[in-house]
């Protein structure tokens, strides 16, 4: 169990937890069951996007819903920034998968 998302980041950077490891972490005073990857994804989101929108398997349609939500509640600039960050994040995740899955 982690007390906040910063602890999760520290543990991941130290190779103590795997990207897909199921964890419990305290977010906004509430204990949430999630994965390390979702906590890392949370780091690039604007504050208008609630964690519940990404605390699930993120398929293509879910990513489209995430961008739509950002546009509606965060505006143009935050949506463009999120899209750029997601593009980089997806590239990194694909490289990780190529390296870790035979």
C-alpha atoms as a PDB file:
ATOM      1  CA  UNK A   1       0.000   0.000   0.000  1.00  0.00           C
ATOM      2  CA  UNK A   2       1.274   3.465  -0.942  1.00  0.00           C
ATOM      3  CA  UNK A   3       0.396   6.695   0.805  1.00  0.00           C
ATOM      4  CA  UNK A   4       0.464   8.791  -2.380  1.00  0.00           C
ATOM      5  CA  UNK A   5       1.322   8.764  -6.087  1.00  0.00           C
ATOM      6  CA  UNK A   6       4.827  10.118  -5.432  1.00  0.00           C
ATOM      7  CA  UNK A   7       5.683   6.963  -3.478  1.00  0.00           C
ATOM      8  CA  UNK A   8       4.498   4.862  -6.403  1.00  0.00           C
ATOM      9  CA  UNK A   9       6.750   6.838  -8.782  1.00  0.00           C
ATOM     10  CA  UNK A  10       9.749   6.388  -6.448  1.00  0.00           C
ATOM     11  CA  UNK A  11       9.129   2.638  -6.168  1.00  0.00           C
ATOM     12  CA  UNK A  12       8.753   2.310  -9.945  1.00  0.00           C
ATOM     13  CA  UNK A  13      11.918   4.324 -10.648  1.00  0.00           C
ATOM     14  CA  UNK A  14      13.798   2.090  -8.192  1.00  0.00           C
ATOM     15  CA  UNK A  15      12.492  -1.040 -10.001  1.00  0.00           C
ATOM     16  CA  UNK A  16      10.640  -2.147  -6.870  1.00  0.00           C
ATOM     17  CA  UNK A  17       7.275  -2.523  -8.650  1.00  0.00           C
ATOM     18  CA  UNK A  18       6.303  -3.549 -12.170  1.00  0.00           C
ATOM     19  CA  UNK A  19       4.355  -1.270 -14.495  1.00  0.00           C
ATOM     20  CA  UNK A  20       1.329  -3.588 -14.419  1.00  0.00           C
ATOM     21  CA  UNK A  21       1.475  -4.416 -10.711  1.00  0.00           C
ATOM     22  CA  UNK A  22      -1.839  -4.085  -8.901  1.00  0.00           C
ATOM     23  CA  UNK A  23      -1.475  -1.711  -5.980  1.00  0.00           C
ATOM     24  CA  UNK A  24      -3.459   0.227  -3.425  1.00  0.00           C
ATOM     25  CA  UNK A  25      -2.706   3.921  -3.134  1.00  0.00           C
ATOM     26  CA  UNK A  26      -4.258   6.804  -1.261  1.00  0.00           C
ATOM     27  CA  UNK A  27      -5.502   9.511  -3.658  1.00  0.00           C
ATOM     28  CA  UNK A  28      -7.411  12.562  -2.439  1.00  0.00           C
ATOM     29  CA  UNK A  29      -7.888  10.909   0.965  1.00  0.00           C
ATOM     30  CA  UNK A  30      -9.411   7.767  -0.541  1.00  0.00           C
ATOM     31  CA  UNK A  31      -7.807   4.318  -0.848  1.00  0.00           C
ATOM     32  CA  UNK A  32      -7.887   3.262  -4.518  1.00  0.00           C
ATOM     33  CA  UNK A  33      -7.014  -0.075  -6.103  1.00  0.00           C
ATOM     34  CA  UNK A  34      -5.216   0.464  -9.406  1.00  0.00           C
ATOM     35  CA  UNK A  35      -1.978  -0.263 -11.266  1.00  0.00           C
ATOM     36  CA  UNK A  36       1.384   1.474 -11.338  1.00  0.00           C
ATOM     37  CA  UNK A  37       0.888   2.355 -15.013  1.00  0.00           C
ATOM     38  CA  UNK A  38      -2.349   4.195 -14.277  1.00  0.00           C
ATOM     39  CA  UNK A  39      -0.626   6.236 -11.576  1.00  0.00           C
ATOM     40  CA  UNK A  40       2.093   7.148 -14.080  1.00  0.00           C
ATOM     41  CA  UNK A  41      -0.578   8.091 -16.620  1.00  0.00           C
ATOM     42  CA  UNK A  42      -2.202  10.300 -13.985  1.00  0.00           C
ATOM     43  CA  UNK A  43       1.014  12.359 -13.860  1.00  0.00           C
ATOM     44  CA  UNK A  44       0.418  13.728 -17.360  1.00  0.00           C
ATOM     45  CA  UNK A  45      -3.278  14.564 -16.933  1.00  0.00           C
ATOM     46  CA  UNK A  46      -4.637  18.068 -16.333  1.00  0.00           C
ATOM     47  CA  UNK A  47      -6.177  18.536 -12.895  1.00  0.00           C
ATOM     48  CA  UNK A  48      -9.692  18.739 -14.435  1.00  0.00           C
ATOM     49  CA  UNK A  49      -9.636  15.041 -15.307  1.00  0.00           C
ATOM     50  CA  UNK A  50     -10.703  12.778 -12.428  1.00  0.00           C
ATOM     51  CA  UNK A  51      -8.696   9.610 -11.805  1.00  0.00           C
ATOM     52  CA  UNK A  52     -11.809   7.446 -12.234  1.00  0.00           C
ATOM     53  CA  UNK A  53     -11.677   8.140 -15.986  1.00  0.00           C
ATOM     54  CA  UNK A  54      -8.331   6.347 -16.333  1.00  0.00           C
ATOM     55  CA  UNK A  55      -8.655   3.718 -13.620  1.00  0.00           C
ATOM     56  CA  UNK A  56      -9.635   1.063 -16.174  1.00  0.00           C
ATOM     57  CA  UNK A  57      -8.217  -0.649 -19.231  1.00  0.00           C
ATOM     58  CA  UNK A  58      -7.474   2.174 -21.673  1.00  0.00           C
ATOM     59  CA  UNK A  59      -8.470   1.024 -25.144  1.00  0.00           C
ATOM     60  CA  UNK A  60      -8.578   3.326 -28.154  1.00  0.00           C
ATOM     61  CA  UNK A  61     -12.178   4.362 -27.441  1.00  0.00           C
ATOM     62  CA  UNK A  62     -11.344   5.129 -23.797  1.00  0.00           C
ATOM     63  CA  UNK A  63      -8.461   7.364 -24.906  1.00  0.00           C
ATOM     64  CA  UNK A  64     -10.856   9.180 -27.260  1.00  0.00           C
ATOM     65  CA  UNK A  65     -13.295   9.685 -24.362  1.00  0.00           C
ATOM     66  CA  UNK A  66     -10.442  11.002 -22.214  1.00  0.00           C
ATOM     67  CA  UNK A  67      -9.460  13.569 -24.846  1.00  0.00           C
ATOM     68  CA  UNK A  68     -13.112  14.573 -25.313  1.00  0.00           C
ATOM     69  CA  UNK A  69     -13.527  15.074 -21.549  1.00  0.00           C
ATOM     70  CA  UNK A  70     -10.362  17.160 -21.461  1.00  0.00           C
ATOM     71  CA  UNK A  71     -11.629  19.335 -24.311  1.00  0.00           C
ATOM     72  CA  UNK A  72     -14.994  19.883 -22.646  1.00  0.00           C
ATOM     73  CA  UNK A  73     -13.648  20.666 -19.158  1.00  0.00           C
ATOM     74  CA  UNK A  74     -10.086  21.857 -19.774  1.00  0.00           C
ATOM     75  CA  UNK A  75     -10.272  23.718 -23.061  1.00  0.00           C
ATOM     76  CA  UNK A  76      -8.212  23.805 -26.231  1.00  0.00           C
ATOM     77  CA  UNK A  77      -4.746  24.361 -24.795  1.00  0.00           C
ATOM     78  CA  UNK A  78      -4.932  21.599 -22.185  1.00  0.00           C
ATOM     79  CA  UNK A  79      -6.331  19.189 -24.776  1.00  0.00           C
ATOM     80  CA  UNK A  80      -3.450  19.836 -27.176  1.00  0.00           C
ATOM     81  CA  UNK A  81      -0.917  19.388 -24.355  1.00  0.00           C
ATOM     82  CA  UNK A  82      -2.609  16.174 -23.218  1.00  0.00           C
ATOM     83  CA  UNK A  83      -2.663  14.802 -26.774  1.00  0.00           C
ATOM     84  CA  UNK A  84       1.078  15.442 -27.153  1.00  0.00           C
ATOM     85  CA  UNK A  85       1.830  13.858 -23.792  1.00  0.00           C
ATOM     86  CA  UNK A  86      -0.361  10.833 -24.542  1.00  0.00           C
ATOM     87  CA  UNK A  87       1.390  10.337 -27.853  1.00  0.00           C
ATOM     88  CA  UNK A  88       4.756  10.199 -26.077  1.00  0.00           C
ATOM     89  CA  UNK A  89       3.352   8.001 -23.304  1.00  0.00           C
ATOM     90  CA  UNK A  90       1.913   5.486 -25.771  1.00  0.00           C
ATOM     91  CA  UNK A  91       5.243   5.286 -27.629  1.00  0.00           C
ATOM     92  CA  UNK A  92       7.069   4.609 -24.360  1.00  0.00           C
ATOM     93  CA  UNK A  93       4.549   1.924 -23.346  1.00  0.00           C
ATOM     94  CA  UNK A  94       4.868   0.178 -26.719  1.00  0.00           C
ATOM     95  CA  UNK A  95       8.650   0.127 -26.383  1.00  0.00           C
ATOM     96  CA  UNK A  96       8.310  -1.276 -22.865  1.00  0.00           C
ATOM     97  CA  UNK A  97       5.996  -4.013 -24.144  1.00  0.00           C
ATOM     98  CA  UNK A  98       8.356  -4.867 -27.020  1.00  0.00           C
ATOM     99  CA  UNK A  99      11.209  -5.209 -24.560  1.00  0.00           C
ATOM    100  CA  UNK A 100       9.328  -7.191 -21.882  1.00  0.00           C
ATOM    101  CA  UNK A 101       7.103  -9.506 -23.931  1.00  0.00           C
ATOM    102  CA  UNK A 102       8.891 -12.206 -25.930  1.00  0.00           C
END
